[in-house]
Amino acid sequence: MIEDIVREIQQILSANKCQVEGISVDMPFADLGLTSITFIQLLIAIENKYGFEFQDSDLILNNYHWVRDFVDVIYKNIKGETNEN
């Protein structure tokens, strides 16, 4: 499942003209080179693909230090393991 999420991120970024190759969970999130606009495009595409909405606290680009951090949030949302109040 984790590999599928990483692959989906790669495809979304490629579709949005981001030139990032070989994404891995162990790379710094900043290395994706996302602008605030491409980050929002990524969030929307992930929400549409997996059928959930990110929590407000997950919408802050600087909260993600590693790709793994972002993938973990996606995985928890897919599995329904969020901390919604």
C-alpha atoms as a PDB file:
ATOM      1  CA  MET A   1       0.000   0.000   0.000  1.00  0.00           C
ATOM      2  CA  ILE A   2       2.824   2.437   0.865  1.00  0.00           C
ATOM      3  CA  GLU A   3       4.484   1.810  -2.498  1.00  0.00           C
ATOM      4  CA  ASP A   4       1.160   2.441  -4.241  1.00  0.00           C
ATOM      5  CA  ILE A   5       0.800   5.793  -2.478  1.00  0.00           C
ATOM      6  CA  VAL A   6       4.341   6.825  -3.422  1.00  0.00           C
ATOM      7  CA  ARG A   7       3.681   5.789  -7.028  1.00  0.00           C
ATOM      8  CA  GLU A   8       0.458   7.830  -7.032  1.00  0.00           C
ATOM      9  CA  ILE A   9       2.309  10.890  -5.704  1.00  0.00           C
ATOM     10  CA  GLN A  10       4.880  10.477  -8.499  1.00  0.00           C
ATOM     11  CA  GLN A  11       2.144  10.252 -11.136  1.00  0.00           C
ATOM     12  CA  ILE A  12       0.285  13.291  -9.794  1.00  0.00           C
ATOM     13  CA  LEU A  13       3.429  15.387  -9.688  1.00  0.00           C
ATOM     14  CA  SER A  14       4.370  14.322 -13.211  1.00  0.00           C
ATOM     15  CA  ALA A  15       0.900  15.259 -14.450  1.00  0.00           C
ATOM     16  CA  ASN A  16       1.370  18.692 -12.849  1.00  0.00           C
ATOM     17  CA  LYS A  17       4.682  19.196 -14.669  1.00  0.00           C
ATOM     18  CA  CYS A  18       6.867  18.652 -11.599  1.00  0.00           C
ATOM     19  CA  GLN A  19      10.176  17.110 -12.588  1.00  0.00           C
ATOM     20  CA  VAL A  20      10.764  14.795  -9.640  1.00  0.00           C
ATOM     21  CA  GLU A  21      12.040  11.309 -10.324  1.00  0.00           C
ATOM     22  CA  GLY A  22      12.634   8.400  -8.015  1.00  0.00           C
ATOM     23  CA  ILE A  23      10.511   9.521  -5.099  1.00  0.00           C
ATOM     24  CA  SER A  24      11.129   7.483  -1.970  1.00  0.00           C
ATOM     25  CA  VAL A  25       9.712   7.732   1.539  1.00  0.00           C
ATOM     26  CA  ASP A  26      13.215   8.439   2.843  1.00  0.00           C
ATOM     27  CA  MET A  27      13.754  11.638   0.864  1.00  0.00           C
ATOM     28  CA  PRO A  28      13.213  15.110   2.317  1.00  0.00           C
ATOM     29  CA  PHE A  29       9.778  16.454   1.408  1.00  0.00           C
ATOM     30  CA  ALA A  30      11.421  19.746   0.373  1.00  0.00           C
ATOM     31  CA  ASP A  31      13.252  17.854  -2.402  1.00  0.00           C
ATOM     32  CA  LEU A  32       9.914  17.516  -4.199  1.00  0.00           C
ATOM     33  CA  GLY A  33      10.197  21.240  -4.910  1.00  0.00           C
ATOM     34  CA  LEU A  34       6.511  21.900  -4.376  1.00  0.00           C
ATOM     35  CA  THR A  35       5.079  25.375  -4.476  1.00  0.00           C
ATOM     36  CA  SER A  36       1.980  26.113  -2.451  1.00  0.00           C
ATOM     37  CA  ILE A  37      -0.070  25.720  -5.641  1.00  0.00           C
ATOM     38  CA  THR A  38       1.391  22.335  -6.600  1.00  0.00           C
ATOM     39  CA  PHE A  39       0.984  21.178  -2.998  1.00  0.00           C
ATOM     40  CA  ILE A  40      -2.737  22.032  -3.091  1.00  0.00           C
ATOM     41  CA  GLN A  41      -3.065  20.294  -6.468  1.00  0.00           C
ATOM     42  CA  LEU A  42      -1.422  17.228  -4.949  1.00  0.00           C
ATOM     43  CA  LEU A  43      -3.744  17.287  -1.930  1.00  0.00           C
ATOM     44  CA  ILE A  44      -6.857  17.561  -4.110  1.00  0.00           C
ATOM     45  CA  ALA A  45      -5.727  14.765  -6.408  1.00  0.00           C
ATOM     46  CA  ILE A  46      -4.987  12.489  -3.419  1.00  0.00           C
ATOM     47  CA  GLU A  47      -8.371  13.290  -1.857  1.00  0.00           C
ATOM     48  CA  ASN A  48     -10.137  12.494  -5.127  1.00  0.00           C
ATOM     49  CA  LYS A  49      -8.171   9.276  -5.675  1.00  0.00           C
ATOM     50  CA  TYR A  50      -8.645   7.853  -2.178  1.00  0.00           C
ATOM     51  CA  GLY A  51     -11.989   9.398  -1.214  1.00  0.00           C
ATOM     52  CA  PHE A  52     -11.161  11.332   1.950  1.00  0.00           C
ATOM     53  CA  GLU A  53     -10.539  14.939   2.974  1.00  0.00           C
ATOM     54  CA  PHE A  54      -7.354  16.040   4.698  1.00  0.00           C
ATOM     55  CA  GLN A  55      -7.801  17.610   8.117  1.00  0.00           C
ATOM     56  CA  ASP A  56      -6.964  21.308   8.354  1.00  0.00           C
ATOM     57  CA  SER A  57      -3.795  20.502  10.284  1.00  0.00           C
ATOM     58  CA  ASP A  58      -2.601  18.356   7.350  1.00  0.00           C
ATOM     59  CA  LEU A  59      -2.853  21.231   4.866  1.00  0.00           C
ATOM     60  CA  ILE A  60       0.372  22.960   5.946  1.00  0.00           C
ATOM     61  CA  LEU A  61       3.224  22.259   3.553  1.00  0.00           C
ATOM     62  CA  ASN A  62       5.941  22.902   6.139  1.00  0.00           C
ATOM     63  CA  ASN A  63       4.558  20.195   8.448  1.00  0.00           C
ATOM     64  CA  TYR A  64       6.122  17.525   6.248  1.00  0.00           C
ATOM     65  CA  HIS A  65       9.855  17.028   6.691  1.00  0.00           C
ATOM     66  CA  TRP A  66      10.070  13.670   4.896  1.00  0.00           C
ATOM     67  CA  VAL A  67       7.996  12.106   2.144  1.00  0.00           C
ATOM     68  CA  ARG A  68       7.234   9.376   4.712  1.00  0.00           C
ATOM     69  CA  ASP A  69       5.425  11.972   6.871  1.00  0.00           C
ATOM     70  CA  PHE A  70       3.061  12.808   4.009  1.00  0.00           C
ATOM     71  CA  VAL A  71       2.567   9.161   3.020  1.00  0.00           C
ATOM     72  CA  ASP A  72       1.771   8.260   6.638  1.00  0.00           C
ATOM     73  CA  VAL A  73      -0.982  10.901   6.765  1.00  0.00           C
ATOM     74  CA  ILE A  74      -2.463   9.555   3.527  1.00  0.00           C
ATOM     75  CA  TYR A  75      -2.259   5.959   4.744  1.00  0.00           C
ATOM     76  CA  LYS A  76      -3.945   6.790   8.063  1.00  0.00           C
ATOM     77  CA  ASN A  77      -6.746   8.614   6.240  1.00  0.00           C
ATOM     78  CA  ILE A  78      -7.289   5.668   3.909  1.00  0.00           C
ATOM     79  CA  LYS A  79      -7.427   3.302   6.876  1.00  0.00           C
ATOM     80  CA  GLY A  80      -9.696   5.675   8.832  1.00  0.00           C
ATOM     81  CA  GLU A  81      -7.130   6.188  11.593  1.00  0.00           C
ATOM     82  CA  THR A  82      -7.278  10.001  11.780  1.00  0.00           C
ATOM     83  CA  ASN A  83      -7.674  12.018  14.968  1.00  0.00           C
ATOM     84  CA  GLU A  84     -10.837  13.839  13.924  1.00  0.00           C
ATOM     85  CA  ASN A  85     -12.799  15.389  16.751  1.00  0.00           C
END
